[in-house]
Amino acid sequence: MSRILILVGSMRRGGNTEMLAQAFAEGAREHHEVEIISVADVKVNPCIGCNSCFSRAGNACSQKDDMTAIYAKLRLTDVLVLASPVYFYGISAQLKAVIDRLHTPLRNHFPIRCLALLLVGASTLPELFDAIVTQYRLTLNFFHIEDAGMVLVRGVKDKGDIKTTDALERAYRLGQNIIG
């Protein structure tokens, strides 16, 4: 049984991104331990690039916020799932702040073997997810992490729009089939 951590990057509670993450979690819970952290529930400041974490005892960040608890959870995570709405062809600022705070030597102690990506966007442009998927693949390559899969959903804007697509079923199946 693997430990899966889902980081939900939407501030809108009960929205399409949260529903997609919940569907994934439901499928994954059949074989794994799953925890969801929503950026709406935590306070994480952006990285200030001071690099003090490279010289501080225990590689502690100079900022005192909820990222400390997220670091502790990442130390126990086998599979990391990033779920975000797409704003101007990128992930949400709140999720980006969490990701940027992984610029720390602590990341060398995370047992993450797989990474999955769940994205929701209002636009129907074919290239809607290209920039995010490129960053995702670069991250996989840099850290030598396995791609656990992606569910990319176009054309969903208003709360609940995702229910009119097959995305929730695809997310559920991806969660069901995760091998951590």
N, C-alpha and C. Protein backbone atom coordinates (compact mmCIF):
# COMPACT_ATOMS: atom_id res chain seq x y z
N MET A 1 0.85 -1.18 0.00
CA MET A 1 0.00 0.00 0.00
C MET A 1 0.89 1.24 0.00
N SER A 2 0.68 2.08 -0.97
CA SER A 2 1.43 3.32 -1.10
C SER A 2 0.68 4.46 -0.43
N ARG A 3 1.44 5.47 -0.10
CA ARG A 3 0.86 6.71 0.43
C ARG A 3 0.80 7.72 -0.69
N ILE A 4 -0.39 8.24 -0.92
CA ILE A 4 -0.61 9.21 -1.99
C ILE A 4 -1.02 10.53 -1.37
N LEU A 5 -0.37 11.59 -1.81
CA LEU A 5 -0.71 12.93 -1.37
C LEU A 5 -1.19 13.71 -2.59
N ILE A 6 -2.39 14.27 -2.49
CA ILE A 6 -2.95 15.08 -3.56
C ILE A 6 -2.93 16.53 -3.10
N LEU A 7 -2.27 17.38 -3.88
CA LEU A 7 -2.25 18.82 -3.61
C LEU A 7 -3.24 19.47 -4.56
N VAL A 8 -4.31 20.02 -4.00
CA VAL A 8 -5.36 20.66 -4.79
C VAL A 8 -5.11 22.16 -4.80
N GLY A 9 -4.91 22.71 -5.99
CA GLY A 9 -4.53 24.10 -6.14
C GLY A 9 -5.65 25.07 -6.40
N SER A 10 -6.86 24.74 -6.04
CA SER A 10 -7.99 25.64 -6.27
C SER A 10 -8.47 26.25 -4.97
N MET A 11 -8.74 27.52 -5.00
CA MET A 11 -9.31 28.20 -3.84
C MET A 11 -10.83 28.05 -3.80
N ARG A 12 -11.42 27.58 -4.90
CA ARG A 12 -12.87 27.44 -4.98
C ARG A 12 -13.28 26.08 -4.42
N ARG A 13 -13.89 26.10 -3.26
CA ARG A 13 -14.33 24.86 -2.62
C ARG A 13 -15.49 24.24 -3.39
N GLY A 14 -15.40 22.91 -3.56
CA GLY A 14 -16.46 22.21 -4.25
C GLY A 14 -16.48 22.44 -5.75
N GLY A 15 -15.41 22.99 -6.27
CA GLY A 15 -15.33 23.28 -7.70
C GLY A 15 -14.87 22.08 -8.51
N ASN A 16 -14.67 22.31 -9.79
CA ASN A 16 -14.32 21.25 -10.73
C ASN A 16 -13.00 20.58 -10.38
N THR A 17 -11.99 21.35 -9.98
CA THR A 17 -10.69 20.78 -9.64
C THR A 17 -10.81 19.88 -8.42
N GLU A 18 -11.53 20.35 -7.42
CA GLU A 18 -11.72 19.55 -6.21
C GLU A 18 -12.49 18.26 -6.51
N MET A 19 -13.50 18.35 -7.36
CA MET A 19 -14.26 17.15 -7.74
C MET A 19 -13.37 16.16 -8.48
N LEU A 20 -12.50 16.66 -9.34
CA LEU A 20 -11.59 15.78 -10.08
C LEU A 20 -10.63 15.08 -9.11
N ALA A 21 -10.09 15.85 -8.16
CA ALA A 21 -9.18 15.27 -7.16
C ALA A 21 -9.90 14.24 -6.30
N GLN A 22 -11.13 14.53 -5.92
CA GLN A 22 -11.91 13.59 -5.11
C GLN A 22 -12.17 12.29 -5.86
N ALA A 23 -12.47 12.39 -7.16
CA ALA A 23 -12.70 11.19 -7.97
C ALA A 23 -11.44 10.35 -8.03
N PHE A 24 -10.29 10.98 -8.24
CA PHE A 24 -9.01 10.28 -8.24
C PHE A 24 -8.81 9.58 -6.89
N ALA A 25 -9.01 10.34 -5.80
CA ALA A 25 -8.81 9.80 -4.46
C ALA A 25 -9.70 8.60 -4.19
N GLU A 26 -10.95 8.69 -4.63
CA GLU A 26 -11.89 7.57 -4.43
C GLU A 26 -11.37 6.30 -5.09
N GLY A 27 -10.87 6.42 -6.31
CA GLY A 27 -10.32 5.26 -7.00
C GLY A 27 -9.06 4.75 -6.33
N ALA A 28 -8.20 5.66 -5.91
CA ALA A 28 -6.92 5.27 -5.31
C ALA A 28 -7.10 4.63 -3.93
N ARG A 29 -8.12 5.05 -3.20
CA ARG A 29 -8.34 4.51 -1.85
C ARG A 29 -8.66 3.03 -1.84
N GLU A 30 -8.97 2.46 -2.98
CA GLU A 30 -9.24 1.02 -3.05
C GLU A 30 -7.99 0.21 -2.71
N HIS A 31 -6.80 0.80 -2.98
CA HIS A 31 -5.55 0.06 -2.76
C HIS A 31 -4.48 0.86 -2.01
N HIS A 32 -4.75 2.13 -1.74
CA HIS A 32 -3.71 2.98 -1.17
C HIS A 32 -4.27 3.89 -0.08
N GLU A 33 -3.35 4.44 0.69
CA GLU A 33 -3.69 5.46 1.68
C GLU A 33 -3.60 6.81 0.97
N VAL A 34 -4.65 7.61 1.05
CA VAL A 34 -4.72 8.86 0.31
C VAL A 34 -5.02 10.03 1.25
N GLU A 35 -4.30 11.12 1.05
CA GLU A 35 -4.58 12.36 1.77
C GLU A 35 -4.66 13.49 0.77
N ILE A 36 -5.59 14.38 1.00
CA ILE A 36 -5.75 15.56 0.15
C ILE A 36 -5.45 16.80 0.97
N ILE A 37 -4.61 17.67 0.41
CA ILE A 37 -4.36 18.98 1.00
C ILE A 37 -4.81 20.01 -0.02
N SER A 38 -5.70 20.88 0.39
CA SER A 38 -6.17 21.95 -0.47
C SER A 38 -5.46 23.25 -0.10
N VAL A 39 -5.04 23.98 -1.11
CA VAL A 39 -4.39 25.27 -0.84
C VAL A 39 -5.36 26.25 -0.17
N ALA A 40 -6.65 25.98 -0.28
CA ALA A 40 -7.64 26.82 0.39
C ALA A 40 -7.59 26.66 1.90
N ASP A 41 -6.96 25.59 2.37
CA ASP A 41 -6.91 25.31 3.81
C ASP A 41 -5.56 25.60 4.45
N VAL A 42 -4.58 26.01 3.66
CA VAL A 42 -3.24 26.25 4.19
C VAL A 42 -2.75 27.64 3.82
N LYS A 43 -1.79 28.11 4.58
CA LYS A 43 -1.15 29.40 4.29
C LYS A 43 0.30 29.09 3.95
N VAL A 44 0.65 29.23 2.67
CA VAL A 44 2.01 28.99 2.21
C VAL A 44 2.48 30.23 1.47
N ASN A 45 3.54 30.83 1.99
CA ASN A 45 4.12 32.00 1.35
C ASN A 45 4.98 31.60 0.15
N PRO A 46 5.12 32.48 -0.82
CA PRO A 46 6.03 32.18 -1.93
C PRO A 46 7.47 32.06 -1.45
N CYS A 47 8.27 31.27 -2.16
CA CYS A 47 9.70 31.18 -1.87
C CYS A 47 10.32 32.55 -2.11
N ILE A 48 11.19 32.95 -1.20
CA ILE A 48 11.85 34.25 -1.37
C ILE A 48 13.26 34.10 -1.91
N GLY A 49 13.65 32.87 -2.23
CA GLY A 49 14.94 32.64 -2.86
C GLY A 49 16.15 32.98 -2.01
N CYS A 50 15.99 32.92 -0.70
CA CYS A 50 17.11 33.28 0.19
C CYS A 50 18.14 32.16 0.29
N ASN A 51 17.74 30.94 -0.06
CA ASN A 51 18.60 29.75 0.00
C ASN A 51 19.12 29.42 1.39
N SER A 52 18.51 30.01 2.42
CA SER A 52 18.97 29.71 3.78
C SER A 52 18.68 28.26 4.15
N CYS A 53 17.74 27.62 3.47
CA CYS A 53 17.43 26.21 3.76
C CYS A 53 18.62 25.31 3.43
N PHE A 54 19.53 25.78 2.59
CA PHE A 54 20.70 24.98 2.24
C PHE A 54 21.73 24.97 3.36
N SER A 55 21.66 25.94 4.29
CA SER A 55 22.66 26.00 5.36
C SER A 55 22.06 25.91 6.76
N ARG A 56 20.75 26.01 6.88
CA ARG A 56 20.11 25.94 8.21
C ARG A 56 20.10 24.50 8.72
N ALA A 57 20.10 24.36 10.01
CA ALA A 57 19.99 23.04 10.64
C ALA A 57 18.71 22.36 10.18
N GLY A 58 18.82 21.12 9.74
CA GLY A 58 17.67 20.37 9.27
C GLY A 58 17.08 20.91 7.99
N ASN A 59 17.81 21.78 7.32
CA ASN A 59 17.36 22.41 6.09
C ASN A 59 16.03 23.16 6.27
N ALA A 60 15.82 23.69 7.46
CA ALA A 60 14.58 24.40 7.75
C ALA A 60 14.47 25.68 6.93
N CYS A 61 13.26 25.94 6.49
CA CYS A 61 12.97 27.17 5.75
C CYS A 61 12.93 28.33 6.75
N SER A 62 13.33 29.49 6.29
CA SER A 62 13.31 30.67 7.16
C SER A 62 11.88 31.17 7.40
N GLN A 63 10.96 30.76 6.54
CA GLN A 63 9.57 31.20 6.69
C GLN A 63 8.81 30.22 7.59
N LYS A 64 8.00 30.77 8.43
CA LYS A 64 7.21 29.96 9.35
C LYS A 64 5.75 29.99 8.89
N ASP A 65 5.37 28.96 8.17
CA ASP A 65 4.00 28.86 7.68
C ASP A 65 3.62 27.39 7.57
N ASP A 66 2.54 27.10 6.87
CA ASP A 66 2.04 25.73 6.80
C ASP A 66 2.87 24.81 5.91
N MET A 67 3.88 25.34 5.25
CA MET A 67 4.73 24.49 4.41
C MET A 67 5.49 23.48 5.26
N THR A 68 5.76 23.82 6.50
CA THR A 68 6.44 22.89 7.41
C THR A 68 5.66 21.58 7.53
N ALA A 69 4.35 21.67 7.68
CA ALA A 69 3.51 20.47 7.78
C ALA A 69 3.47 19.72 6.44
N ILE A 70 3.48 20.45 5.34
CA ILE A 70 3.47 19.80 4.03
C ILE A 70 4.78 19.06 3.80
N TYR A 71 5.91 19.66 4.22
CA TYR A 71 7.19 18.94 4.12
C TYR A 71 7.13 17.61 4.87
N ALA A 72 6.55 17.64 6.06
CA ALA A 72 6.45 16.41 6.87
C ALA A 72 5.63 15.34 6.14
N LYS A 73 4.56 15.75 5.50
CA LYS A 73 3.74 14.79 4.75
C LYS A 73 4.46 14.27 3.52
N LEU A 74 5.23 15.13 2.85
CA LEU A 74 5.97 14.71 1.67
C LEU A 74 7.06 13.68 2.01
N ARG A 75 7.55 13.71 3.24
CA ARG A 75 8.53 12.72 3.69
C ARG A 75 7.94 11.31 3.75
N LEU A 76 6.62 11.23 3.70
CA LEU A 76 5.92 9.94 3.79
C LEU A 76 5.18 9.60 2.50
N THR A 77 5.41 10.36 1.44
CA THR A 77 4.64 10.24 0.21
C THR A 77 5.36 9.43 -0.85
N ASP A 78 4.65 8.43 -1.38
CA ASP A 78 5.17 7.63 -2.50
C ASP A 78 4.72 8.17 -3.84
N VAL A 79 3.47 8.66 -3.88
CA VAL A 79 2.88 9.19 -5.11
C VAL A 79 2.34 10.58 -4.81
N LEU A 80 2.76 11.56 -5.61
CA LEU A 80 2.30 12.93 -5.46
C LEU A 80 1.40 13.26 -6.65
N VAL A 81 0.26 13.85 -6.35
CA VAL A 81 -0.70 14.23 -7.39
C VAL A 81 -0.91 15.74 -7.30
N LEU A 82 -0.74 16.41 -8.42
CA LEU A 82 -0.97 17.85 -8.49
C LEU A 82 -2.27 18.09 -9.24
N ALA A 83 -3.19 18.80 -8.62
CA ALA A 83 -4.48 19.11 -9.23
C ALA A 83 -4.65 20.62 -9.23
N SER A 84 -4.94 21.18 -10.40
CA SER A 84 -5.05 22.64 -10.46
C SER A 84 -6.00 23.10 -11.55
N PRO A 85 -6.66 24.22 -11.28
CA PRO A 85 -7.33 24.91 -12.37
C PRO A 85 -6.24 25.59 -13.20
N VAL A 86 -6.55 25.90 -14.43
CA VAL A 86 -5.60 26.59 -15.30
C VAL A 86 -5.99 28.06 -15.37
N TYR A 87 -5.05 28.91 -14.97
CA TYR A 87 -5.23 30.36 -15.05
C TYR A 87 -4.16 30.91 -15.98
N PHE A 88 -4.56 31.50 -17.08
CA PHE A 88 -3.62 32.07 -18.04
C PHE A 88 -2.52 31.07 -18.40
N TYR A 89 -2.92 29.83 -18.67
CA TYR A 89 -2.06 28.77 -19.18
C TYR A 89 -1.03 28.28 -18.17
N GLY A 90 -1.31 28.50 -16.89
CA GLY A 90 -0.45 28.01 -15.83
C GLY A 90 -1.28 27.48 -14.68
N ILE A 91 -0.61 26.84 -13.73
CA ILE A 91 -1.30 26.36 -12.53
C ILE A 91 -1.62 27.56 -11.64
N SER A 92 -2.43 27.35 -10.64
CA SER A 92 -2.81 28.44 -9.74
C SER A 92 -1.59 28.96 -8.98
N ALA A 93 -1.63 30.22 -8.64
CA ALA A 93 -0.53 30.85 -7.89
C ALA A 93 -0.31 30.16 -6.55
N GLN A 94 -1.41 29.74 -5.92
CA GLN A 94 -1.30 29.11 -4.61
C GLN A 94 -0.58 27.77 -4.70
N LEU A 95 -0.87 26.98 -5.72
CA LEU A 95 -0.16 25.70 -5.89
C LEU A 95 1.27 25.95 -6.32
N LYS A 96 1.48 26.95 -7.15
CA LYS A 96 2.85 27.29 -7.59
C LYS A 96 3.71 27.68 -6.39
N ALA A 97 3.13 28.37 -5.41
CA ALA A 97 3.88 28.73 -4.21
C ALA A 97 4.35 27.49 -3.47
N VAL A 98 3.48 26.47 -3.37
CA VAL A 98 3.86 25.21 -2.71
C VAL A 98 4.99 24.55 -3.49
N ILE A 99 4.84 24.46 -4.80
CA ILE A 99 5.86 23.81 -5.63
C ILE A 99 7.18 24.56 -5.55
N ASP A 100 7.14 25.87 -5.61
CA ASP A 100 8.39 26.64 -5.54
C ASP A 100 9.11 26.45 -4.20
N ARG A 101 8.36 26.18 -3.15
CA ARG A 101 8.97 25.95 -1.84
C ARG A 101 9.65 24.59 -1.76
N LEU A 102 9.54 23.79 -2.82
CA LEU A 102 10.28 22.53 -2.87
C LEU A 102 11.72 22.74 -3.35
N HIS A 103 12.09 24.00 -3.56
CA HIS A 103 13.49 24.34 -3.86
C HIS A 103 14.23 24.33 -2.52
N THR A 104 14.46 23.15 -2.03
CA THR A 104 15.08 22.94 -0.72
C THR A 104 15.75 21.57 -0.73
N PRO A 105 16.83 21.42 0.02
CA PRO A 105 17.45 20.10 0.11
C PRO A 105 16.53 19.05 0.76
N LEU A 106 15.48 19.48 1.42
CA LEU A 106 14.53 18.52 2.01
C LEU A 106 13.97 17.59 0.95
N ARG A 107 13.83 18.09 -0.28
CA ARG A 107 13.23 17.27 -1.35
C ARG A 107 14.03 16.00 -1.61
N ASN A 108 15.30 16.00 -1.23
CA ASN A 108 16.14 14.81 -1.40
C ASN A 108 15.76 13.68 -0.45
N HIS A 109 14.88 14.00 0.50
CA HIS A 109 14.44 13.00 1.48
C HIS A 109 13.00 12.54 1.24
N PHE A 110 12.38 13.02 0.18
CA PHE A 110 11.02 12.61 -0.14
C PHE A 110 11.08 11.32 -0.95
N PRO A 111 10.35 10.29 -0.55
CA PRO A 111 10.40 9.00 -1.27
C PRO A 111 9.48 8.95 -2.50
N ILE A 112 9.13 10.09 -3.03
CA ILE A 112 8.18 10.15 -4.15
C ILE A 112 8.75 9.41 -5.36
N ARG A 113 7.97 8.43 -5.84
CA ARG A 113 8.38 7.64 -7.00
C ARG A 113 7.55 7.95 -8.23
N CYS A 114 6.33 8.45 -8.01
CA CYS A 114 5.41 8.72 -9.12
C CYS A 114 4.77 10.08 -8.93
N LEU A 115 4.43 10.69 -10.05
CA LEU A 115 3.76 11.98 -10.05
C LEU A 115 2.61 11.91 -11.05
N ALA A 116 1.46 12.47 -10.67
CA ALA A 116 0.30 12.52 -11.56
C ALA A 116 -0.18 13.97 -11.64
N LEU A 117 -0.88 14.28 -12.72
CA LEU A 117 -1.32 15.64 -12.98
C LEU A 117 -2.80 15.66 -13.34
N LEU A 118 -3.57 16.49 -12.65
CA LEU A 118 -4.99 16.68 -12.91
C LEU A 118 -5.22 18.16 -13.17
N LEU A 119 -5.68 18.50 -14.37
CA LEU A 119 -5.87 19.91 -14.73
C LEU A 119 -7.26 20.16 -15.27
N VAL A 120 -7.80 21.32 -14.94
CA VAL A 120 -9.12 21.74 -15.39
C VAL A 120 -9.00 23.15 -15.96
N GLY A 121 -9.50 23.33 -17.18
CA GLY A 121 -9.48 24.66 -17.79
C GLY A 121 -10.78 24.99 -18.49
N ALA A 122 -11.13 26.27 -18.50
CA ALA A 122 -12.36 26.72 -19.14
C ALA A 122 -12.22 26.75 -20.66
N SER A 123 -11.04 27.03 -21.14
CA SER A 123 -10.81 27.14 -22.57
C SER A 123 -10.87 25.78 -23.25
N THR A 124 -11.14 25.80 -24.54
CA THR A 124 -11.13 24.57 -25.32
C THR A 124 -9.96 24.55 -26.30
N LEU A 125 -9.04 25.49 -26.18
CA LEU A 125 -7.88 25.54 -27.07
C LEU A 125 -7.08 24.25 -26.98
N PRO A 126 -6.66 23.69 -28.11
CA PRO A 126 -5.88 22.45 -28.09
C PRO A 126 -4.58 22.57 -27.29
N GLU A 127 -3.99 23.74 -27.28
CA GLU A 127 -2.70 23.93 -26.59
C GLU A 127 -2.86 24.44 -25.16
N LEU A 128 -4.05 24.40 -24.61
CA LEU A 128 -4.35 24.92 -23.28
C LEU A 128 -3.37 24.43 -22.21
N PHE A 129 -3.00 23.17 -22.23
CA PHE A 129 -2.19 22.59 -21.16
C PHE A 129 -0.70 22.47 -21.51
N ASP A 130 -0.31 22.89 -22.70
CA ASP A 130 1.05 22.65 -23.18
C ASP A 130 2.15 23.15 -22.23
N ALA A 131 2.03 24.37 -21.74
CA ALA A 131 3.08 24.93 -20.87
C ALA A 131 3.19 24.14 -19.57
N ILE A 132 2.06 23.79 -18.99
CA ILE A 132 2.07 23.05 -17.72
C ILE A 132 2.61 21.64 -17.93
N VAL A 133 2.20 20.99 -18.99
CA VAL A 133 2.67 19.63 -19.27
C VAL A 133 4.18 19.64 -19.53
N THR A 134 4.69 20.67 -20.19
CA THR A 134 6.14 20.78 -20.40
C THR A 134 6.87 20.88 -19.06
N GLN A 135 6.38 21.72 -18.15
CA GLN A 135 7.00 21.83 -16.83
C GLN A 135 6.91 20.51 -16.07
N TYR A 136 5.77 19.85 -16.18
CA TYR A 136 5.55 18.55 -15.53
C TYR A 136 6.59 17.54 -16.02
N ARG A 137 6.76 17.45 -17.33
CA ARG A 137 7.72 16.49 -17.89
C ARG A 137 9.15 16.83 -17.51
N LEU A 138 9.48 18.12 -17.45
CA LEU A 138 10.82 18.52 -17.02
C LEU A 138 11.06 18.10 -15.57
N THR A 139 10.04 18.23 -14.74
CA THR A 139 10.14 17.81 -13.34
C THR A 139 10.36 16.30 -13.24
N LEU A 140 9.59 15.55 -14.02
CA LEU A 140 9.77 14.09 -14.03
C LEU A 140 11.19 13.72 -14.40
N ASN A 141 11.70 14.34 -15.45
CA ASN A 141 13.06 14.05 -15.91
C ASN A 141 14.10 14.45 -14.89
N PHE A 142 13.97 15.64 -14.32
CA PHE A 142 14.97 16.14 -13.38
C PHE A 142 15.08 15.25 -12.14
N PHE A 143 13.92 14.83 -11.62
CA PHE A 143 13.91 14.04 -10.39
C PHE A 143 13.86 12.54 -10.63
N HIS A 144 13.85 12.12 -11.89
CA HIS A 144 13.78 10.70 -12.23
C HIS A 144 12.57 10.04 -11.57
N ILE A 145 11.43 10.70 -11.76
CA ILE A 145 10.16 10.23 -11.20
C ILE A 145 9.32 9.66 -12.33
N GLU A 146 8.57 8.62 -12.04
CA GLU A 146 7.70 8.00 -13.04
C GLU A 146 6.43 8.83 -13.23
N ASP A 147 5.98 8.93 -14.47
CA ASP A 147 4.72 9.58 -14.79
C ASP A 147 3.59 8.61 -14.48
N ALA A 148 2.75 8.95 -13.50
CA ALA A 148 1.64 8.08 -13.13
C ALA A 148 0.42 8.34 -13.99
N GLY A 149 0.43 9.43 -14.74
CA GLY A 149 -0.68 9.72 -15.65
C GLY A 149 -1.23 11.12 -15.48
N MET A 150 -2.06 11.49 -16.44
CA MET A 150 -2.66 12.83 -16.45
C MET A 150 -4.13 12.73 -16.83
N VAL A 151 -4.92 13.60 -16.24
CA VAL A 151 -6.29 13.83 -16.68
C VAL A 151 -6.39 15.33 -16.93
N LEU A 152 -6.56 15.69 -18.19
CA LEU A 152 -6.60 17.09 -18.62
C LEU A 152 -8.00 17.37 -19.15
N VAL A 153 -8.67 18.34 -18.57
CA VAL A 153 -10.08 18.59 -18.88
C VAL A 153 -10.27 20.01 -19.40
N ARG A 154 -10.71 20.11 -20.65
CA ARG A 154 -10.98 21.40 -21.27
C ARG A 154 -12.48 21.72 -21.21
N GLY A 155 -12.79 23.01 -21.32
CA GLY A 155 -14.17 23.43 -21.48
C GLY A 155 -15.03 23.35 -20.23
N VAL A 156 -14.42 23.37 -19.06
CA VAL A 156 -15.19 23.39 -17.82
C VAL A 156 -14.86 24.66 -17.07
N LYS A 157 -15.87 25.47 -16.82
CA LYS A 157 -15.66 26.77 -16.19
C LYS A 157 -16.46 26.91 -14.90
N ASP A 158 -17.76 26.76 -15.03
CA ASP A 158 -18.63 26.96 -13.88
C ASP A 158 -18.63 25.73 -12.98
N LYS A 159 -18.87 25.96 -11.70
CA LYS A 159 -18.94 24.87 -10.73
C LYS A 159 -19.87 23.78 -11.22
N GLY A 160 -19.35 22.56 -11.28
CA GLY A 160 -20.16 21.42 -11.67
C GLY A 160 -20.10 21.08 -13.15
N ASP A 161 -19.52 21.96 -13.96
CA ASP A 161 -19.41 21.67 -15.41
C ASP A 161 -18.72 20.33 -15.67
N ILE A 162 -17.80 19.96 -14.80
CA ILE A 162 -17.02 18.73 -15.01
C ILE A 162 -17.91 17.49 -15.01
N LYS A 163 -19.08 17.59 -14.37
CA LYS A 163 -20.00 16.45 -14.30
C LYS A 163 -20.58 16.10 -15.67
N THR A 164 -20.49 17.02 -16.61
CA THR A 164 -21.03 16.76 -17.96
C THR A 164 -19.98 16.12 -18.87
N THR A 165 -18.82 15.79 -18.33
CA THR A 165 -17.74 15.17 -19.10
C THR A 165 -17.47 13.77 -18.56
N ASP A 166 -16.53 13.07 -19.17
CA ASP A 166 -16.10 11.77 -18.65
C ASP A 166 -14.89 11.88 -17.73
N ALA A 167 -14.52 13.10 -17.38
CA ALA A 167 -13.29 13.34 -16.62
C ALA A 167 -13.30 12.70 -15.23
N LEU A 168 -14.42 12.74 -14.54
CA LEU A 168 -14.46 12.15 -13.20
C LEU A 168 -14.22 10.65 -13.25
N GLU A 169 -14.78 10.01 -14.26
CA GLU A 169 -14.56 8.57 -14.44
C GLU A 169 -13.10 8.30 -14.80
N ARG A 170 -12.52 9.13 -15.66
CA ARG A 170 -11.11 8.95 -16.03
C ARG A 170 -10.20 9.14 -14.83
N ALA A 171 -10.51 10.13 -13.98
CA ALA A 171 -9.71 10.37 -12.78
C ALA A 171 -9.85 9.19 -11.80
N TYR A 172 -11.06 8.71 -11.64
CA TYR A 172 -11.31 7.56 -10.78
C TYR A 172 -10.46 6.36 -11.24
N ARG A 173 -10.52 6.07 -12.54
CA ARG A 173 -9.77 4.93 -13.09
C ARG A 173 -8.26 5.15 -12.93
N LEU A 174 -7.79 6.36 -13.12
CA LEU A 174 -6.36 6.63 -12.93
C LEU A 174 -5.98 6.35 -11.48
N GLY A 175 -6.78 6.81 -10.55
CA GLY A 175 -6.52 6.53 -9.14
C GLY A 175 -6.54 5.04 -8.84
N GLN A 176 -7.49 4.34 -9.42
CA GLN A 176 -7.61 2.89 -9.24
C GLN A 176 -6.38 2.15 -9.73
N ASN A 177 -5.80 2.64 -10.80
CA ASN A 177 -4.69 1.96 -11.45
C ASN A 177 -3.31 2.44 -11.04
N ILE A 178 -3.25 3.33 -10.07
CA ILE A 178 -1.95 3.85 -9.61
C ILE A 178 -1.15 2.71 -9.00
N ILE A 179 0.08 2.63 -9.42
CA ILE A 179 1.02 1.65 -8.86
C ILE A 179 2.10 2.46 -8.17
N GLY A 180 2.14 2.41 -6.89
CA GLY A 180 3.11 3.21 -6.16
C GLY A 180 4.11 2.34 -5.56
